[in-house]
């Protein structure tokens, strides 16, 4: 028994080194870093708006609050508004059709930016743009994670890692070195899969961690304290890492089987991608035959859709399930176990024929 564990450890170390440092893995690292660009763009926008809000506030003769705008009434003149709010940070005007004049006063408070509009010298209304809160940042991250990181980055990253564990060796004509060694094929399978799983978890959980660190840095100290101390931020962080690891387990097992069975892997890969994508539209029973169904149910933040939301996004954003988290985790483990059993059967009966590859 000790000899088998030693053999497993040797295969595991060899495959882990090969997976993490192979020159063929560079695109997987780039793929894992892609969501950081989206988080950085969002952070740059938040930073720009904060600077603009601070600049507008600095132009005011006296501090104004959100309550000051509740005293404005439609039909007031610009002079009356100036008397109540003081000079604006920015002012602009232009002529509209039919010789109507449109004028804007712009103000800022500590947590919002206001655009006061006048039509023909009378107050027509005002709009408010609130500063992003930690809830807004959480929704942005949740959207990026669910629709980009989970459904695309982890999916195709696991495709690149697990599909070539055996198929790559067949293409390189090197698999026979493992099968000629005095090692059971199931041990080779276990060592390869565990190495691929650990590599995938390291790469994609590291990407999620970096995304959350960037998002936390953008929030500022007060919002970070509220998120971690009041909004259970550490629990949410753990949930995202756990979902990422489960996704690597489920998709990794599937792509391992594809690499062992399929001569042309494009067909089953596209079939799974389409099946996972249409999961929200499937009947209730068929939804359970999917990996994404259980993963979505474990996400700490479900994306709520407001009025005017696109119907397709509204359906996707409310596609969670009502299962208990333990059943979601069990569902992924059962799927992975069945796929690994199928892979072990295939490995035991696999005959190497390089000429057919």
Protein backbone atom coordinates (compact mmCIF):
# COMPACT_ATOMS: atom_id res chain seq x y z
CA UNK A 1 0.00 0.00 0.00
CA UNK A 2 2.85 2.39 0.84
CA UNK A 3 4.37 1.64 -2.54
CA UNK A 4 1.17 2.74 -4.31
CA UNK A 5 1.04 5.99 -2.36
CA UNK A 6 4.67 6.60 -3.26
CA UNK A 7 3.91 5.96 -6.94
CA UNK A 8 0.92 8.30 -6.76
CA UNK A 9 3.10 11.02 -5.22
CA UNK A 10 5.71 10.64 -7.97
CA UNK A 11 3.13 10.87 -10.76
CA UNK A 12 1.46 13.79 -9.00
CA UNK A 13 4.70 15.80 -8.68
CA UNK A 14 5.70 15.16 -12.29
CA UNK A 15 2.31 16.15 -13.67
CA UNK A 16 1.94 19.20 -11.42
CA UNK A 17 5.29 20.56 -12.57
CA UNK A 18 4.37 19.82 -16.17
CA UNK A 19 0.97 21.52 -15.89
CA UNK A 20 2.09 24.64 -14.06
CA UNK A 21 5.31 25.37 -15.95
CA UNK A 22 4.69 23.99 -19.43
CA UNK A 23 5.15 26.46 -22.27
CA UNK A 24 1.70 25.38 -23.46
CA UNK A 25 0.09 26.84 -20.33
CA UNK A 26 0.83 30.50 -21.06
CA UNK A 27 -2.62 31.14 -22.58
CA UNK A 28 -4.30 29.66 -19.50
CA UNK A 29 -2.54 32.22 -17.28
CA UNK A 30 -3.57 35.02 -19.64
CA UNK A 31 -7.13 33.73 -19.57
CA UNK A 32 -7.12 33.67 -15.76
CA UNK A 33 -5.88 37.27 -15.68
CA UNK A 34 -8.54 38.55 -18.11
CA UNK A 35 -11.16 39.34 -15.40
CA UNK A 36 -8.60 41.60 -13.68
CA UNK A 37 -8.87 43.94 -16.64
CA UNK A 38 -12.62 44.29 -16.15
CA UNK A 39 -12.17 44.94 -12.42
CA UNK A 40 -9.44 47.51 -13.19
CA UNK A 41 -11.70 49.34 -15.67
CA UNK A 42 -14.47 49.50 -13.08
CA UNK A 43 -12.00 50.75 -10.48
CA UNK A 44 -10.70 53.44 -12.81
CA UNK A 45 -14.26 54.63 -13.40
CA UNK A 46 -14.98 54.73 -9.65
CA UNK A 47 -11.73 56.62 -9.01
CA UNK A 48 -12.48 59.16 -11.76
CA UNK A 49 -15.98 59.82 -10.43
CA UNK A 50 -14.65 60.22 -6.89
CA UNK A 51 -12.10 62.78 -8.07
CA UNK A 52 -14.74 64.64 -10.07
CA UNK A 53 -17.09 64.64 -7.11
CA UNK A 54 -14.36 66.01 -4.84
CA UNK A 55 -13.49 68.71 -7.37
CA UNK A 56 -17.13 69.80 -7.64
CA UNK A 57 -17.45 69.93 -3.86
CA UNK A 58 -14.33 72.12 -3.62
CA UNK A 59 -15.94 74.74 -5.88
CA UNK A 60 -18.88 75.28 -3.54
CA UNK A 61 -18.98 78.30 -1.25
CA UNK A 62 -20.58 76.23 1.50
CA UNK A 63 -21.24 72.49 1.95
CA UNK A 64 -24.55 71.24 0.63
CA UNK A 65 -26.37 68.04 1.51
CA UNK A 66 -28.85 65.80 -0.25
CA UNK A 67 -31.63 67.35 1.84
CA UNK A 68 -31.00 70.75 0.23
CA UNK A 69 -32.25 69.44 -3.12
CA UNK A 70 -35.56 68.34 -1.60
CA UNK A 71 -36.43 72.02 -1.13
CA UNK A 72 -36.22 72.72 -4.87
CA UNK A 73 -39.48 73.04 -6.77
CA UNK A 74 -40.19 72.83 -10.47
CA UNK A 75 -40.52 76.28 -12.01
CA UNK A 76 -37.91 78.02 -9.84
CA UNK A 77 -35.57 80.43 -11.60
CA UNK A 78 -31.78 79.97 -11.74
CA UNK A 79 -31.42 82.92 -9.31
CA UNK A 80 -33.62 81.18 -6.75
CA UNK A 81 -31.65 77.96 -7.10
CA UNK A 82 -28.37 79.86 -6.69
CA UNK A 83 -29.74 81.48 -3.55
CA UNK A 84 -30.49 78.07 -2.04
CA UNK A 85 -27.53 76.03 -3.27
CA UNK A 86 -24.87 78.60 -4.07
CA UNK A 87 -22.84 78.78 -7.29
CA UNK A 88 -22.55 75.46 -9.17
CA UNK A 89 -19.30 73.62 -9.72
CA UNK A 90 -20.02 73.56 -13.46
CA UNK A 91 -22.54 75.38 -15.63
CA UNK A 92 -23.50 74.80 -19.24
CA UNK A 93 -26.27 75.76 -21.63
CA UNK A 94 -27.34 75.18 -25.19
CA UNK A 95 -30.23 75.84 -27.54
CA UNK A 96 -32.66 73.03 -28.32
CA UNK A 97 -35.11 72.72 -31.20
CA UNK A 98 -37.84 75.31 -31.60
CA UNK A 99 -35.64 77.88 -29.85
CA UNK A 100 -35.97 76.40 -26.37
CA UNK A 101 -33.02 77.05 -24.08
CA UNK A 102 -31.65 74.28 -21.91
CA UNK A 103 -29.25 75.08 -19.04
CA UNK A 104 -27.49 72.88 -16.50
CA UNK A 105 -26.10 73.49 -12.99
CA UNK A 106 -23.90 70.75 -11.55
CA UNK A 107 -23.33 70.17 -7.83
CA UNK A 108 -21.83 67.46 -5.64
CA UNK A 109 -22.31 66.21 -2.09
CA UNK A 110 -20.24 63.71 -0.17
CA UNK A 111 -22.04 60.76 -1.72
CA UNK A 112 -23.75 61.98 -4.92
CA UNK A 113 -23.45 64.18 -8.01
CA UNK A 114 -26.43 66.32 -9.09
CA UNK A 115 -27.36 67.68 -12.49
CA UNK A 116 -29.98 70.46 -12.22
CA UNK A 117 -31.74 71.25 -15.51
CA UNK A 118 -33.50 74.46 -16.52
CA UNK A 119 -35.77 74.78 -19.54
CA UNK A 120 -36.35 78.34 -20.77
CA UNK A 121 -35.14 79.79 -17.48
CA UNK A 122 -37.35 77.58 -15.27
CA UNK A 123 -36.30 74.60 -13.18
CA UNK A 124 -37.31 71.50 -15.11
CA UNK A 125 -35.90 68.83 -12.78
CA UNK A 126 -32.68 67.30 -11.51
CA UNK A 127 -30.96 63.94 -11.62
CA UNK A 128 -28.71 62.31 -9.07
CA UNK A 129 -25.80 59.91 -9.50
CA UNK A 130 -24.90 58.19 -6.27
CA UNK A 131 -21.33 57.23 -5.44
CA UNK A 132 -20.78 53.46 -5.74
CA UNK A 133 -21.35 51.62 -2.46
CA UNK A 134 -19.91 48.28 -1.38
CA UNK A 135 -23.24 46.74 -2.48
CA UNK A 136 -22.71 48.17 -5.97
CA UNK A 137 -19.15 46.89 -6.05
CA UNK A 138 -20.36 43.49 -4.90
CA UNK A 139 -22.92 43.33 -7.71
CA UNK A 140 -20.30 44.31 -10.27
CA UNK A 141 -17.94 41.61 -9.04
CA UNK A 142 -20.79 39.07 -8.89
CA UNK A 143 -21.72 39.82 -12.50
CA UNK A 144 -18.12 39.51 -13.69
CA UNK A 145 -17.61 36.32 -11.72
CA UNK A 146 -20.81 34.56 -12.78
CA UNK A 147 -20.98 35.49 -16.45
CA UNK A 148 -17.28 35.76 -17.29
CA UNK A 149 -15.02 34.07 -14.74
CA UNK A 150 -17.17 31.02 -14.01
CA UNK A 151 -18.90 30.40 -17.32
CA UNK A 152 -15.96 31.22 -19.62
CA UNK A 153 -12.59 31.59 -17.90
CA UNK A 154 -12.79 28.54 -15.63
CA UNK A 155 -14.60 26.50 -18.29
CA UNK A 156 -12.01 27.03 -21.03
CA UNK A 157 -9.13 27.00 -18.55
CA UNK A 158 -10.12 23.53 -17.34
CA UNK A 159 -10.50 22.52 -20.98
CA UNK A 160 -6.88 23.47 -21.60
CA UNK A 161 -5.58 21.74 -18.47
CA UNK A 162 -7.52 18.47 -18.29
CA UNK A 163 -8.10 17.70 -21.95
CA UNK A 164 -4.39 17.30 -22.58
CA UNK A 165 -3.62 15.16 -19.51
CA UNK A 166 -4.00 12.03 -21.64
CA UNK A 167 -4.77 13.37 -25.09
CA UNK A 168 -1.64 15.53 -24.97
CA UNK A 169 0.48 12.48 -24.16
CA UNK A 170 -1.13 10.60 -27.05
CA UNK A 171 -0.42 13.47 -29.43
CA UNK A 172 3.20 13.65 -28.19
CA UNK A 173 3.53 9.84 -28.39
CA UNK A 174 4.72 9.63 -24.80
CA UNK A 175 1.86 7.92 -22.95
CA UNK A 176 3.40 4.48 -23.37
CA UNK A 177 6.21 5.44 -20.97
CA UNK A 178 3.66 5.57 -18.16
CA UNK A 179 1.92 2.37 -19.23
CA UNK A 180 5.18 0.43 -19.56
CA UNK A 181 6.22 1.38 -16.02
CA UNK A 182 5.25 -0.98 -13.15
CA UNK A 183 2.45 1.36 -12.07
CA UNK A 184 -1.26 0.63 -12.16
CA UNK A 185 -3.11 2.69 -14.70
CA UNK A 186 -5.60 3.87 -12.08
CA UNK A 187 -2.70 5.38 -10.13
CA UNK A 188 -1.51 7.20 -13.24
CA UNK A 189 -5.05 8.50 -13.75
CA UNK A 190 -5.36 9.62 -10.13
CA UNK A 191 -1.97 11.33 -10.13
CA UNK A 192 -2.69 13.18 -13.36
CA UNK A 193 -6.17 14.28 -12.29
CA UNK A 194 -5.10 15.46 -8.83
CA UNK A 195 -2.20 17.40 -10.32
CA UNK A 196 -4.48 19.03 -12.88
CA UNK A 197 -7.06 19.81 -10.19
CA UNK A 198 -4.53 21.44 -7.88
CA UNK A 199 -3.04 23.45 -10.74
CA UNK A 200 -6.50 24.65 -11.84
CA UNK A 201 -7.47 25.61 -8.29
CA UNK A 202 -4.21 27.49 -7.78
CA UNK A 203 -4.54 29.41 -11.07
CA UNK A 204 -8.22 30.31 -10.97
CA UNK A 205 -8.59 30.77 -7.20
CA UNK A 206 -5.52 33.00 -7.39
CA UNK A 207 -7.26 35.02 -10.10
CA UNK A 208 -10.40 35.40 -7.97
CA UNK A 209 -8.28 36.41 -4.96
CA UNK A 210 -6.50 39.09 -6.98
CA UNK A 211 -9.84 40.39 -8.28
CA UNK A 212 -11.19 40.70 -4.74
CA UNK A 213 -7.99 42.38 -3.51
CA UNK A 214 -8.21 44.97 -6.29
CA UNK A 215 -11.89 45.51 -5.54
CA UNK A 216 -11.16 45.92 -1.83
CA UNK A 217 -8.38 48.41 -2.54
CA UNK A 218 -10.78 50.44 -4.68
CA UNK A 219 -13.41 50.55 -1.92
CA UNK A 220 -11.35 52.51 0.58
CA UNK A 221 -10.85 51.82 4.31
CA UNK A 222 -14.37 52.66 5.52
CA UNK A 223 -16.15 50.49 2.95
CA UNK A 224 -13.67 47.65 3.52
CA UNK A 225 -14.32 47.75 7.27
CA UNK A 226 -18.06 47.65 6.72
CA UNK A 227 -17.82 44.83 4.21
CA UNK A 228 -15.57 42.64 6.35
CA UNK A 229 -17.11 43.50 9.71
CA UNK A 230 -20.81 43.84 8.92
CA UNK A 231 -21.50 42.24 5.55
CA UNK A 232 -19.63 38.95 6.17
CA UNK A 233 -17.04 39.70 3.53
CA UNK A 234 -14.72 36.87 4.60
CA UNK A 235 -17.56 34.36 4.22
CA UNK A 236 -18.28 35.66 0.73
CA UNK A 237 -14.60 35.42 -0.17
CA UNK A 238 -14.54 31.80 1.01
CA UNK A 239 -17.69 31.02 -0.95
CA UNK A 240 -16.24 32.35 -4.21
CA UNK A 241 -13.04 30.35 -3.72
CA UNK A 242 -15.06 27.24 -2.88
CA UNK A 243 -17.27 27.60 -5.97
CA UNK A 244 -14.16 28.05 -8.11
CA UNK A 245 -12.63 24.86 -6.71
CA UNK A 246 -15.86 22.91 -7.28
CA UNK A 247 -16.03 24.22 -10.85
CA UNK A 248 -12.49 22.96 -11.46
CA UNK A 249 -13.50 19.57 -10.05
CA UNK A 250 -16.65 19.18 -12.13
CA UNK A 251 -15.38 20.57 -15.43
CA UNK A 252 -11.99 18.94 -14.94
CA UNK A 253 -13.55 15.48 -14.60
CA UNK A 254 -15.65 16.04 -17.72
CA UNK A 255 -12.74 17.19 -19.88
CA UNK A 256 -10.59 14.32 -18.61
CA UNK A 257 -13.23 11.89 -19.90
CA UNK A 258 -13.45 13.78 -23.20
CA UNK A 259 -9.68 13.48 -23.63
CA UNK A 260 -9.87 9.73 -23.09
CA UNK A 261 -12.89 8.93 -25.26
CA UNK A 262 -13.32 11.52 -28.00
CA UNK A 263 -11.26 11.40 -31.14
CA UNK A 264 -12.58 14.89 -31.98
CA UNK A 265 -13.08 16.78 -28.68
CA UNK A 266 -14.71 19.81 -30.32
CA UNK A 267 -18.15 18.19 -30.47
CA UNK A 268 -18.52 17.27 -26.76
CA UNK A 269 -16.91 20.55 -25.66
CA UNK A 270 -19.34 22.64 -27.72
CA UNK A 271 -22.22 20.45 -26.56
CA UNK A 272 -21.37 21.04 -22.89
CA UNK A 273 -20.87 24.78 -23.46
CA UNK A 274 -24.30 25.07 -25.09
CA UNK A 275 -25.95 22.84 -22.47
CA UNK A 276 -24.52 24.89 -19.61
CA UNK A 277 -25.54 28.11 -21.36
CA UNK A 278 -29.17 27.12 -21.91
CA UNK A 279 -29.58 25.70 -18.40
CA UNK A 280 -31.91 28.56 -17.26
CA UNK A 281 -34.29 27.73 -20.15
CA UNK A 282 -34.49 23.97 -19.48
CA UNK A 283 -37.31 22.19 -17.65
CA UNK A 284 -36.76 21.74 -13.93
CA UNK A 285 -35.75 18.09 -14.18
CA UNK A 286 -33.19 18.64 -16.93
CA UNK A 287 -31.59 21.53 -15.07
CA UNK A 288 -30.20 19.02 -12.56
CA UNK A 289 -28.14 17.35 -15.32
CA UNK A 290 -25.65 20.20 -15.34
CA UNK A 291 -22.65 21.43 -13.40
CA UNK A 292 -23.47 25.14 -13.59
CA UNK A 293 -26.86 24.51 -11.95
CA UNK A 294 -25.21 23.47 -8.68
CA UNK A 295 -22.45 26.08 -8.86
CA UNK A 296 -24.87 28.99 -9.28
CA UNK A 297 -26.80 27.83 -6.24
CA UNK A 298 -23.66 28.23 -4.10
CA UNK A 299 -22.85 31.81 -5.10
CA UNK A 300 -23.03 34.19 -2.10
CA UNK A 301 -24.70 36.97 -4.13
CA UNK A 302 -27.58 36.38 -6.49
CA UNK A 303 -27.92 39.08 -9.13
CA UNK A 304 -31.23 40.91 -8.78
CA UNK A 305 -32.74 42.45 -11.88
CA UNK A 306 -34.46 45.82 -11.64
CA UNK A 307 -37.17 47.46 -13.73
CA UNK A 308 -36.30 47.81 -17.39
CA UNK A 309 -33.76 44.98 -17.30
CA UNK A 310 -33.34 43.02 -20.50
CA UNK A 311 -35.58 39.93 -20.41
CA UNK A 312 -32.72 37.55 -21.26
CA UNK A 313 -30.47 38.94 -18.53
CA UNK A 314 -33.38 38.87 -16.08
CA UNK A 315 -33.85 35.17 -16.73
CA UNK A 316 -30.13 34.44 -16.40
CA UNK A 317 -29.82 36.57 -13.27
CA UNK A 318 -32.54 34.65 -11.46
CA UNK A 319 -31.48 31.15 -12.48
CA UNK A 320 -30.46 29.96 -9.03
CA UNK A 321 -31.92 26.88 -7.41
CA UNK A 322 -33.70 26.25 -4.15
CA UNK A 323 -31.45 23.40 -3.00
CA UNK A 324 -29.57 23.52 0.27
CA UNK A 325 -25.84 24.28 -0.17
CA UNK A 326 -24.93 20.78 0.98
CA UNK A 327 -26.96 19.27 -1.88
CA UNK A 328 -25.28 21.59 -4.38
CA UNK A 329 -21.84 20.48 -3.21
CA UNK A 330 -22.96 16.84 -3.23
CA UNK A 331 -24.30 17.24 -6.78
CA UNK A 332 -20.90 18.35 -8.09
CA UNK A 333 -19.11 15.56 -6.22
CA UNK A 334 -21.50 12.91 -7.56
CA UNK A 335 -21.06 14.16 -11.13
CA UNK A 336 -17.26 14.18 -10.73
CA UNK A 337 -17.28 10.70 -9.17
CA UNK A 338 -19.31 9.23 -12.03
CA UNK A 339 -17.07 10.85 -14.62
CA UNK A 340 -13.90 9.64 -12.87
CA UNK A 341 -15.29 6.11 -12.65
CA UNK A 342 -15.90 6.24 -16.40
CA UNK A 343 -12.36 7.56 -16.93
CA UNK A 344 -10.85 4.75 -14.83
CA UNK A 345 -12.74 2.16 -16.85
CA UNK A 346 -11.44 3.70 -20.07
CA UNK A 347 -7.85 3.81 -18.82
CA UNK A 348 -7.92 0.13 -17.88
CA UNK A 349 -9.05 -0.82 -21.39
CA UNK A 350 -7.12 1.81 -23.32
CA UNK A 351 -4.97 0.49 -26.15
CA UNK A 352 -2.35 2.88 -27.41
CA UNK A 353 -2.35 3.35 -31.17
CA UNK A 354 -0.42 6.46 -32.11
CA UNK A 355 -1.16 5.91 -35.80
CA UNK A 356 -4.84 6.64 -35.20
CA UNK A 357 -4.19 9.96 -33.45
